[in-house]
Amino acid sequence: MGYSRSGTADGPGSIQYLRLQRASSRSDIFPKLIAMQKNLKARNFAVFRITGAGLPNKRKLVCELENWGTGAAENGNRFINGYGEILLDHIEVSLLPLIWNGSENASFADAGEFSSLTRRLEPNVVPFSGVAFPVRLGALGNGYVTFLATSMELGSDAIIDQHVRSCQVMMDLLALDERRSVPAESLSEREIACLQLAGDGRISEEIAEKLGLSVHTVNAYLGSATIKLDSVNRIQAIAKAIRLGYIH
């Protein structure tokens, strides 16, 4: 996402603040979604991941997080049955947010002046209105962060802001999945320091001078970190270390 916003407040609730807060469990992601829900004046949220990417006729939406309460299974199935195929096709060609009107009590969602940059779905398919922000981060990180309400009026700033935050939520989920898949052995301080400097664009000689080490030792640290992160090369190790929160 390449959105920019006026105002650079770094306090709780700001985009920068949320980017710096690495989730250590799914319970850390829940408050972020609640804050987004309040900002949109929505009633509920639901995060859907796409599984089976790249496999013909195997792709499907799976609900990863929601606060529907006792009606979770019914509401999730109703949404997937009503809009699932459309959402699966949409994310392959577009990252425009999707909005729709529900059938419950004249439920509606309106994007105002931002309507031309959203896609409106067929109305009255599900009881609730809502907005779905598509996120595409690779095969394991594709999906939608959705917010549901009886009525929802969406300004352009709110849509941009919450789309950015939706990407962060999906990045957190992806990082948690990868963290569970990496070896139990953690990176050492030296390995992290070398990866950070390599990620900043420093070559081994520069890293060695910066840390007071030999070039051979730096390469050894980078090599062991690459193995621990189950990566094929230094570039992939840096990318995974960023997602896992070891470096920034």
Protein backbone atom coordinates (compact mmCIF):
# COMPACT_ATOMS: atom_id res chain seq x y z
CA MET A 1 0.00 0.00 0.00
CA GLY A 2 1.39 3.42 -0.87
CA TYR A 3 -1.07 5.70 0.86
CA SER A 4 0.14 8.78 2.70
CA ARG A 5 -1.74 10.79 5.25
CA SER A 6 -1.39 14.25 6.66
CA GLY A 7 -0.50 14.27 10.34
CA THR A 8 2.29 12.17 11.82
CA ALA A 9 1.11 11.42 15.34
CA ASP A 10 2.91 8.37 16.73
CA GLY A 11 0.61 7.66 19.67
CA PRO A 12 -1.68 4.65 20.14
CA GLY A 13 -4.06 4.35 17.21
CA SER A 14 -1.73 5.96 14.66
CA ILE A 15 -0.55 3.96 11.66
CA GLN A 16 3.10 4.32 12.69
CA TYR A 17 2.33 3.10 16.20
CA LEU A 18 0.56 0.01 14.88
CA ARG A 19 3.41 -0.78 12.51
CA LEU A 20 5.87 -0.79 15.41
CA GLN A 21 3.76 -3.08 17.60
CA ARG A 22 4.70 -6.64 16.65
CA ALA A 23 2.04 -9.18 17.56
CA SER A 24 3.32 -12.10 19.63
CA SER A 25 -0.03 -13.93 19.53
CA ARG A 26 -3.46 -13.60 17.98
CA SER A 27 -4.70 -11.96 21.15
CA ASP A 28 -2.45 -9.00 20.29
CA ILE A 29 -4.20 -8.59 16.93
CA PHE A 30 -7.71 -8.52 18.39
CA PRO A 31 -7.41 -5.01 19.97
CA LYS A 32 -6.19 -3.60 16.65
CA LEU A 33 -9.28 -4.94 14.93
CA ILE A 34 -11.55 -3.57 17.66
CA ALA A 35 -9.95 -0.13 17.24
CA MET A 36 -10.52 -0.31 13.47
CA GLN A 37 -14.11 -1.40 14.04
CA LYS A 38 -14.72 1.62 16.27
CA ASN A 39 -13.13 3.98 13.75
CA LEU A 40 -15.51 2.71 11.07
CA LYS A 41 -18.48 2.65 13.50
CA ALA A 42 -19.02 -0.97 12.56
CA ARG A 43 -20.72 -3.68 14.59
CA ASN A 44 -18.40 -6.61 13.93
CA PHE A 45 -15.22 -7.62 12.14
CA ALA A 46 -14.08 -10.79 10.41
CA VAL A 47 -10.70 -11.66 8.88
CA PHE A 48 -10.69 -14.18 6.02
CA ARG A 49 -7.61 -15.89 4.64
CA ILE A 50 -7.48 -17.61 1.24
CA THR A 51 -6.26 -21.20 1.33
CA GLY A 52 -5.39 -23.49 -1.55
CA ALA A 53 -3.81 -20.72 -3.63
CA GLY A 54 -2.47 -22.00 -6.95
CA LEU A 55 -4.54 -25.18 -6.83
CA PRO A 56 -7.40 -25.33 -9.35
CA ASN A 57 -10.81 -25.46 -7.69
CA LYS A 58 -9.17 -25.67 -4.25
CA ARG A 59 -9.17 -22.01 -3.24
CA LYS A 60 -11.53 -21.07 -0.45
CA LEU A 61 -12.07 -18.41 2.19
CA VAL A 62 -11.41 -19.40 5.79
CA CYS A 63 -12.40 -17.17 8.71
CA GLU A 64 -9.33 -16.61 10.90
CA LEU A 65 -10.59 -14.04 13.41
CA GLU A 66 -14.03 -12.61 14.17
CA ASN A 67 -16.16 -11.18 16.96
CA TRP A 68 -19.57 -12.38 15.78
CA GLY A 69 -20.10 -14.24 19.05
CA THR A 70 -22.66 -17.05 19.17
CA GLY A 71 -23.67 -16.57 15.52
CA ALA A 72 -20.11 -16.84 14.21
CA ALA A 73 -20.43 -20.07 12.23
CA GLU A 74 -23.78 -19.11 10.71
CA ASN A 75 -22.68 -15.58 9.77
CA GLY A 76 -19.35 -16.79 8.40
CA ASN A 77 -20.96 -19.45 6.23
CA ARG A 78 -23.64 -17.02 5.04
CA PHE A 79 -20.99 -14.51 3.98
CA ILE A 80 -18.79 -17.10 2.25
CA ASN A 81 -21.74 -18.69 0.47
CA GLY A 82 -23.03 -15.30 -0.67
CA TYR A 83 -19.83 -13.54 -1.72
CA GLY A 84 -17.01 -16.09 -1.48
CA GLU A 85 -16.51 -16.77 -5.19
CA ILE A 86 -16.68 -13.08 -6.02
CA LEU A 87 -14.05 -12.25 -3.41
CA LEU A 88 -11.75 -15.02 -4.62
CA ASP A 89 -11.94 -13.72 -8.20
CA HIS A 90 -11.69 -10.05 -7.21
CA ILE A 91 -8.40 -10.31 -5.32
CA GLU A 92 -6.72 -11.81 -8.38
CA VAL A 93 -7.31 -8.67 -10.43
CA SER A 94 -7.91 -5.77 -8.05
CA LEU A 95 -7.17 -4.41 -4.58
CA LEU A 96 -10.12 -2.02 -4.55
CA PRO A 97 -12.24 -2.29 -1.38
CA LEU A 98 -15.60 -4.00 -1.76
CA ILE A 99 -18.81 -2.61 -0.24
CA TRP A 100 -22.35 -3.93 -0.16
CA ASN A 101 -25.81 -3.24 1.22
CA GLY A 102 -27.48 -5.82 3.44
CA SER A 103 -31.08 -6.93 3.64
CA GLU A 104 -31.51 -6.36 7.39
CA ASN A 105 -33.50 -3.22 8.29
CA ALA A 106 -32.52 -1.33 5.13
CA SER A 107 -28.87 -1.97 5.94
CA PHE A 108 -26.52 0.09 3.75
CA ALA A 109 -22.90 1.05 3.17
CA ASP A 110 -21.92 4.19 1.29
CA ALA A 111 -18.44 5.37 0.28
CA GLY A 112 -19.43 8.89 -0.73
CA GLU A 113 -16.87 10.59 -2.95
CA PHE A 114 -14.70 7.44 -2.81
CA SER A 115 -17.36 5.28 -4.52
CA SER A 116 -15.56 5.33 -7.87
CA LEU A 117 -12.57 3.65 -6.23
CA THR A 118 -14.55 0.85 -4.64
CA ARG A 119 -16.48 -2.03 -6.09
CA ARG A 120 -20.10 -2.39 -5.05
CA LEU A 121 -21.40 -5.93 -4.71
CA GLU A 122 -24.92 -7.14 -5.35
CA PRO A 123 -27.14 -5.96 -2.45
CA ASN A 124 -29.32 -7.98 -0.07
CA VAL A 125 -27.27 -11.17 -0.36
CA VAL A 126 -26.48 -11.15 3.38
CA PRO A 127 -28.37 -9.41 6.21
CA PHE A 128 -25.57 -7.00 7.14
CA SER A 129 -23.90 -4.26 5.13
CA GLY A 130 -20.15 -3.91 5.14
CA VAL A 131 -16.77 -3.26 3.59
CA ALA A 132 -14.06 -5.77 2.72
CA PHE A 133 -10.43 -4.65 2.35
CA PRO A 134 -8.45 -7.02 0.11
CA VAL A 135 -4.86 -7.78 1.11
CA ARG A 136 -2.42 -9.57 -1.19
CA LEU A 137 0.88 -10.59 0.44
CA GLY A 138 1.66 -13.81 -1.41
CA ALA A 139 0.07 -17.26 -1.43
CA LEU A 140 -0.14 -17.56 2.37
CA GLY A 141 -1.00 -13.95 3.08
CA ASN A 142 -3.93 -13.22 0.79
CA GLY A 143 -7.37 -12.44 2.15
CA TYR A 144 -9.81 -9.84 3.36
CA VAL A 145 -10.35 -7.81 6.50
CA THR A 146 -14.08 -7.08 6.69
CA PHE A 147 -16.24 -4.82 8.84
CA LEU A 148 -19.97 -5.26 9.16
CA ALA A 149 -22.75 -2.93 10.28
CA THR A 150 -26.38 -1.99 9.95
CA SER A 151 -25.35 1.26 8.30
CA MET A 152 -21.92 2.51 7.33
CA GLU A 153 -20.84 5.83 5.82
CA LEU A 154 -17.24 5.68 4.64
CA GLY A 155 -15.14 8.74 3.87
CA SER A 156 -12.06 8.54 1.67
CA ASP A 157 -9.66 9.12 4.59
CA ALA A 158 -11.26 6.34 6.61
CA ILE A 159 -11.07 3.89 3.71
CA ILE A 160 -7.40 4.63 3.04
CA ASP A 161 -6.48 4.51 6.72
CA GLN A 162 -8.28 1.24 7.43
CA HIS A 163 -6.96 -0.40 4.26
CA VAL A 164 -3.41 0.31 5.39
CA ARG A 165 -4.20 -1.12 8.82
CA SER A 166 -5.81 -4.17 7.23
CA CYS A 167 -2.52 -4.91 5.48
CA GLN A 168 -0.75 -4.71 8.84
CA VAL A 169 -3.24 -7.14 10.40
CA MET A 170 -2.63 -9.67 7.62
CA MET A 171 1.14 -9.19 7.94
CA ASP A 172 0.85 -9.93 11.66
CA LEU A 173 -1.08 -13.14 10.98
CA LEU A 174 1.46 -14.21 8.36
CA ALA A 175 4.36 -13.46 10.72
CA LEU A 176 2.76 -15.50 13.50
CA ASP A 177 2.35 -18.46 11.14
CA GLU A 178 5.97 -18.23 10.04
CA ARG A 179 7.18 -17.85 13.63
CA ARG A 180 5.51 -21.15 14.50
CA SER A 181 7.24 -22.82 11.55
CA VAL A 182 10.82 -21.64 12.23
CA PRO A 183 13.23 -23.77 14.27
CA ALA A 184 13.01 -23.44 18.04
CA GLU A 185 16.57 -22.06 18.17
CA SER A 186 16.36 -18.26 18.27
CA LEU A 187 18.66 -15.86 16.51
CA SER A 188 21.56 -14.57 18.59
CA GLU A 189 22.21 -10.87 19.14
CA ARG A 190 25.14 -10.96 16.73
CA GLU A 191 23.08 -12.72 14.05
CA ILE A 192 20.33 -10.13 14.42
CA ALA A 193 22.84 -7.26 14.29
CA CYS A 194 24.43 -8.62 11.11
CA LEU A 195 21.04 -9.20 9.49
CA GLN A 196 19.91 -5.69 10.39
CA LEU A 197 22.96 -4.10 8.81
CA ALA A 198 22.69 -6.35 5.77
CA GLY A 199 19.05 -5.33 5.48
CA ASP A 200 20.21 -1.69 5.58
CA GLY A 201 22.27 -2.38 2.47
CA ARG A 202 25.69 -2.89 4.08
CA ILE A 203 28.08 -5.40 2.54
CA SER A 204 30.02 -7.87 4.72
CA GLU A 205 33.14 -5.68 4.87
CA GLU A 206 31.10 -2.71 6.09
CA ILE A 207 29.28 -4.84 8.66
CA ALA A 208 32.61 -6.21 9.91
CA GLU A 209 34.01 -2.70 10.36
CA LYS A 210 30.83 -1.48 12.07
CA LEU A 211 30.71 -4.37 14.57
CA GLY A 212 34.46 -4.83 15.03
CA LEU A 213 34.43 -8.35 13.59
CA SER A 214 36.25 -10.12 10.79
CA VAL A 215 34.55 -10.53 7.43
CA HIS A 216 34.71 -14.30 7.91
CA THR A 217 32.84 -14.02 11.24
CA VAL A 218 30.18 -11.76 9.73
CA ASN A 219 29.57 -14.22 6.91
CA ALA A 220 29.38 -17.04 9.45
CA TYR A 221 26.73 -15.17 11.46
CA LEU A 222 24.74 -14.40 8.31
CA GLY A 223 25.02 -18.01 7.19
CA SER A 224 23.83 -19.43 10.53
CA ALA A 225 20.94 -16.95 10.62
CA THR A 226 19.94 -18.00 7.10
CA ILE A 227 19.89 -21.65 8.18
CA LYS A 228 17.88 -20.92 11.35
CA LEU A 229 15.32 -18.98 9.31
CA ASP A 230 15.04 -21.87 6.85
CA SER A 231 15.91 -19.55 3.98
CA VAL A 232 17.74 -20.27 0.74
CA ASN A 233 19.85 -17.11 0.70
CA ARG A 234 20.68 -13.93 2.58
CA ILE A 235 17.99 -11.86 0.86
CA GLN A 236 15.23 -14.29 1.82
CA ALA A 237 16.58 -14.46 5.38
CA ILE A 238 16.42 -10.67 5.68
CA ALA A 239 12.86 -10.61 4.37
CA LYS A 240 11.76 -13.33 6.81
CA ALA A 241 13.55 -11.66 9.72
CA ILE A 242 11.62 -8.47 9.01
CA ARG A 243 8.30 -10.31 8.94
CA LEU A 244 9.12 -12.13 12.16
CA GLY A 245 10.04 -8.89 13.91
CA TYR A 246 13.75 -9.65 14.45
CA ILE A 247 14.79 -6.60 12.44
CA HIS A 248 13.01 -3.61 10.88
